[in-house]
C-alpha cells in the first residue's frame, strides 16, 4: 500500500495537470510549511510553471529559514495564517490545495484550520484569487482528513464545536460556476506508527467566472 504522499499525488497530480499543465500560472496556495512541508510542495508541483507559491502555516515555530531550499526562497513565501480564512487573501491565484493541519498527538489531534463559517472564508479567497487572473480559472483540491481512526465522537456533523466541511467543494460560492468536480476516498499506510493503515478523501473542482 502506498504512503500518504504517494497516494495523494496519484490522484492530485493528474487532475491539476489536466487543467494547468503546460500553462503559465500566477500564484499557487498550499497548506503547510512545517517539518518539510515546503520541500514536499515544491516537489509535488515541480512540473508546473508558476510565478509564486504561498505556504500557509498555523504553527508558531515555523521559521523562514526553511525557505533556504535550493535557492527557492524568491519563489516561495510562508504566511502564518489560516488558508481557509486568511486575513489578507492573495490575488491572481490559479491553484489552491486546501489540507487539514493537525497539531497534537493521537486523541489530542485537532484540526486547527477547520473553522466556523469556512464557506464565507473560502469565498473571500476566491474573490481575491480571481482579481487579475489571466487564466480565468482556479483549480481547487481539498483533503478532508476526517478518516483517521481516532476521530470517533461527533465524526459526522461537528467536532469540537466546528461544523465539519464534508463535500466542501460542492457548496455554492457566490456566482462562480464550477466544472469537473470529483470526490475520491482512499486508504494509505502511515509511517507513524509504521504500517498503520488509515483513510481520507480528496475532492476537487474548477472554479470559473460567468
Protein backbone atom coordinates (compact mmCIF):
# COMPACT_ATOMS: atom_id res chain seq x y z
CA UNK A 1 0.00 0.00 0.00
CA UNK A 2 1.27 3.49 -0.84
CA UNK A 3 2.07 6.09 1.79
CA UNK A 4 0.08 9.29 2.22
CA UNK A 5 2.14 11.47 -0.12
CA UNK A 6 2.30 8.97 -2.97
CA UNK A 7 -1.41 8.23 -2.69
CA UNK A 8 -2.29 11.92 -2.71
CA UNK A 9 -0.10 12.54 -5.72
CA UNK A 10 -1.55 9.66 -7.73
CA UNK A 11 -4.95 11.41 -7.57
CA UNK A 12 -3.99 15.05 -7.25
CA UNK A 13 -1.34 15.41 -9.96
CA UNK A 14 -3.29 14.02 -12.95
CA UNK A 15 -6.22 16.25 -12.03
CA UNK A 16 -4.28 19.52 -11.88
CA UNK A 17 -2.17 18.61 -14.91
CA UNK A 18 -5.37 18.22 -16.92
CA UNK A 19 -6.20 21.92 -16.46
CA UNK A 20 -2.89 23.61 -15.67
CA UNK A 21 -0.20 21.53 -17.32
CA UNK A 22 1.83 23.45 -19.90
CA UNK A 23 0.34 26.81 -18.86
CA UNK A 24 1.96 29.77 -17.16
CA UNK A 25 0.37 30.10 -13.72
CA UNK A 26 0.36 33.10 -11.47
CA UNK A 27 0.02 32.25 -7.77
CA UNK A 28 -0.39 28.86 -6.07
CA UNK A 29 -1.67 28.44 -2.49
CA UNK A 30 -0.80 25.36 -0.43
CA UNK A 31 -1.14 24.25 3.18
CA UNK A 32 1.80 23.66 5.49
CA UNK A 33 5.40 24.84 5.88
CA UNK A 34 6.46 22.84 8.92
CA UNK A 35 8.65 19.76 9.09
CA UNK A 36 9.49 19.56 5.41
CA UNK A 37 6.16 20.90 4.19
CA UNK A 38 7.74 23.42 1.85
CA UNK A 39 10.02 20.87 0.22
CA UNK A 40 7.07 18.46 -0.16
CA UNK A 41 5.03 21.04 -2.06
CA UNK A 42 7.99 22.11 -4.18
CA UNK A 43 8.45 18.51 -5.25
CA UNK A 44 4.72 17.90 -5.70
CA UNK A 45 4.39 20.86 -8.06
CA UNK A 46 7.78 20.65 -9.79
CA UNK A 47 6.20 20.14 -13.22
CA UNK A 48 4.07 23.28 -13.03
CA UNK A 49 5.23 26.66 -14.28
CA UNK A 50 4.11 29.16 -11.61
CA UNK A 51 5.23 32.63 -10.59
CA UNK A 52 4.93 32.19 -6.81
CA UNK A 53 3.80 29.67 -4.21
CA UNK A 54 2.40 30.74 -0.83
CA UNK A 55 2.69 28.22 2.01
CA UNK A 56 0.09 28.79 4.74
CA UNK A 57 1.14 27.60 8.19
CA UNK A 58 -0.51 27.92 11.61
CA UNK A 59 2.30 26.57 13.78
CA UNK A 60 4.15 29.42 15.51
CA UNK A 61 7.54 27.65 15.34
CA UNK A 62 7.88 27.75 11.56
CA UNK A 63 10.98 29.67 10.55
CA UNK A 64 11.65 31.47 7.31
CA UNK A 65 14.99 29.65 7.16
CA UNK A 66 13.02 26.70 5.81
CA UNK A 67 12.91 28.68 2.57
CA UNK A 68 16.64 28.19 2.01
CA UNK A 69 15.91 25.14 -0.13
CA UNK A 70 17.77 25.00 -3.42
CA UNK A 71 17.63 28.81 -3.66
CA UNK A 72 13.85 28.72 -3.98
CA UNK A 73 13.24 31.47 -1.43
CA UNK A 74 12.47 34.06 -4.14
CA UNK A 75 9.65 31.91 -5.48
CA UNK A 76 8.16 30.82 -2.16
CA UNK A 77 6.70 32.62 0.85
CA UNK A 78 5.41 31.44 4.22
CA UNK A 79 2.24 33.07 5.52
CA UNK A 80 1.40 32.38 9.15
CA UNK A 81 -2.35 32.36 8.74
CA UNK A 82 -5.30 30.08 8.06
CA UNK A 83 -5.52 29.17 4.37
CA UNK A 84 -9.30 28.70 4.69
CA UNK A 85 -9.89 32.21 6.05
CA UNK A 86 -6.79 34.39 5.63
CA UNK A 87 -6.76 37.97 6.85
CA UNK A 88 -5.37 39.22 3.53
CA UNK A 89 -6.23 36.83 0.68
CA UNK A 90 -3.81 36.57 -2.24
CA UNK A 91 -4.76 37.92 -5.68
CA UNK A 92 -4.26 36.22 -9.06
CA UNK A 93 -4.48 32.60 -7.96
CA UNK A 94 -4.75 29.60 -10.29
CA UNK A 95 -4.36 26.66 -7.89
CA UNK A 96 -5.29 26.03 -4.25
CA UNK A 97 -4.53 22.88 -2.25
CA UNK A 98 -6.55 23.00 0.98
CA UNK A 99 -5.41 20.48 3.59
CA UNK A 100 -6.10 19.96 7.29
CA UNK A 101 -3.28 20.96 9.64
CA UNK A 102 -3.07 18.64 12.65
CA UNK A 103 -1.47 19.64 15.94
CA UNK A 104 -1.12 17.26 18.89
CA UNK A 105 -0.79 13.54 19.37
CA UNK A 106 -3.33 10.77 18.90
CA UNK A 107 -6.55 11.63 20.79
CA UNK A 108 -5.36 15.23 21.20
CA UNK A 109 -5.27 15.78 17.46
CA UNK A 110 -7.44 18.73 16.49
CA UNK A 111 -7.99 20.25 13.05
CA UNK A 112 -6.62 23.69 13.80
CA UNK A 113 -7.51 25.22 10.45
CA UNK A 114 -11.10 23.95 10.24
CA UNK A 115 -13.06 26.98 11.35
CA UNK A 116 -16.65 28.07 11.60
CA UNK A 117 -18.10 29.78 8.53
CA UNK A 118 -15.49 28.19 6.30
CA UNK A 119 -17.52 28.79 3.16
CA UNK A 120 -17.53 32.56 3.71
CA UNK A 121 -13.76 32.47 4.21
CA UNK A 122 -13.24 30.45 1.05
CA UNK A 123 -15.48 32.82 -0.92
CA UNK A 124 -13.14 35.66 0.06
CA UNK A 125 -10.18 33.57 -1.10
CA UNK A 126 -11.88 33.01 -4.45
CA UNK A 127 -12.89 36.67 -4.83
CA UNK A 128 -9.30 37.76 -4.33
CA UNK A 129 -7.90 34.94 -6.43
CA UNK A 130 -9.93 35.98 -9.45
CA UNK A 131 -8.56 39.54 -9.38
CA UNK A 132 -6.20 40.00 -12.34
CA UNK A 133 -6.48 36.26 -13.02
CA UNK A 134 -5.04 35.77 -16.51
CA UNK A 135 -6.27 32.18 -16.97
CA UNK A 136 -9.75 32.91 -15.64
CA UNK A 137 -9.86 29.70 -13.58
CA UNK A 138 -8.94 28.50 -10.10
CA UNK A 139 -8.38 24.78 -9.64
CA UNK A 140 -9.13 23.79 -6.03
CA UNK A 141 -8.36 20.46 -4.36
CA UNK A 142 -9.36 19.69 -0.77
CA UNK A 143 -8.21 16.87 1.52
CA UNK A 144 -10.87 16.39 4.18
CA UNK A 145 -8.59 14.43 6.55
CA UNK A 146 -11.54 13.08 8.55
CA UNK A 147 -10.88 9.39 8.09
CA UNK A 148 -8.40 8.93 10.91
CA UNK A 149 -9.20 6.18 13.38
CA UNK A 150 -9.02 8.40 16.45
CA UNK A 151 -11.76 10.67 15.12
CA UNK A 152 -14.66 8.78 16.66
CA UNK A 153 -17.08 11.01 18.54
CA UNK A 154 -19.12 13.50 16.54
CA UNK A 155 -17.33 12.44 13.39
CA UNK A 156 -20.36 13.31 11.29
CA UNK A 157 -21.62 16.86 11.58
CA UNK A 158 -19.49 18.66 14.15
CA UNK A 159 -16.25 18.22 16.03
CA UNK A 160 -15.06 20.41 18.87
CA UNK A 161 -17.91 22.79 18.11
CA UNK A 162 -16.93 23.21 14.45
CA UNK A 163 -19.07 22.15 11.52
CA UNK A 164 -17.05 19.69 9.51
CA UNK A 165 -16.72 20.62 5.84
CA UNK A 166 -17.83 17.40 4.22
CA UNK A 167 -18.31 17.95 0.48
CA UNK A 168 -16.79 21.37 0.91
CA UNK A 169 -16.39 21.99 -2.80
CA UNK A 170 -19.99 21.10 -3.60
CA UNK A 171 -21.12 24.22 -1.77
CA UNK A 172 -22.31 27.28 -3.65
CA UNK A 173 -19.74 30.08 -3.67
CA UNK A 174 -21.23 33.36 -4.82
CA UNK A 175 -21.87 33.48 -8.55
CA UNK A 176 -18.89 31.34 -9.52
CA UNK A 177 -19.52 28.41 -11.80
CA UNK A 178 -17.84 25.04 -11.39
CA UNK A 179 -16.97 22.07 -13.57
CA UNK A 180 -15.12 18.74 -13.45
CA UNK A 181 -15.92 18.03 -9.79
CA UNK A 182 -14.51 14.82 -8.31
CA UNK A 183 -14.53 13.13 -4.91
CA UNK A 184 -12.34 10.09 -4.25
CA UNK A 185 -11.90 8.31 -0.89
CA UNK A 186 -8.76 6.22 -0.46
CA UNK A 187 -6.63 4.36 2.05
CA UNK A 188 -2.93 4.73 2.71
CA UNK A 189 -0.26 3.44 5.07
CA UNK A 190 1.01 5.78 7.75
CA UNK A 191 4.64 5.92 8.73
CA UNK A 192 3.70 6.83 12.32
CA UNK A 193 3.03 4.25 13.58
CA UNK A 194 4.71 2.19 10.88
CA UNK A 195 2.23 0.05 8.98
CA UNK A 196 -0.83 1.82 10.40
CA UNK A 197 -3.50 1.96 7.70
CA UNK A 198 -5.96 4.81 7.60
CA UNK A 199 -8.02 6.71 5.07
CA UNK A 200 -9.26 10.06 3.88
CA UNK A 201 -10.53 11.55 0.65
CA UNK A 202 -9.73 14.19 -1.92
CA UNK A 203 -12.20 16.34 -3.76
CA UNK A 204 -11.53 18.86 -6.45
CA UNK A 205 -13.30 21.31 -8.72
CA UNK A 206 -12.52 24.03 -11.24
CA UNK A 207 -14.00 27.45 -10.49
CA UNK A 208 -14.57 30.00 -13.21
CA UNK A 209 -16.47 33.23 -13.64
CA UNK A 210 -19.58 33.76 -15.72
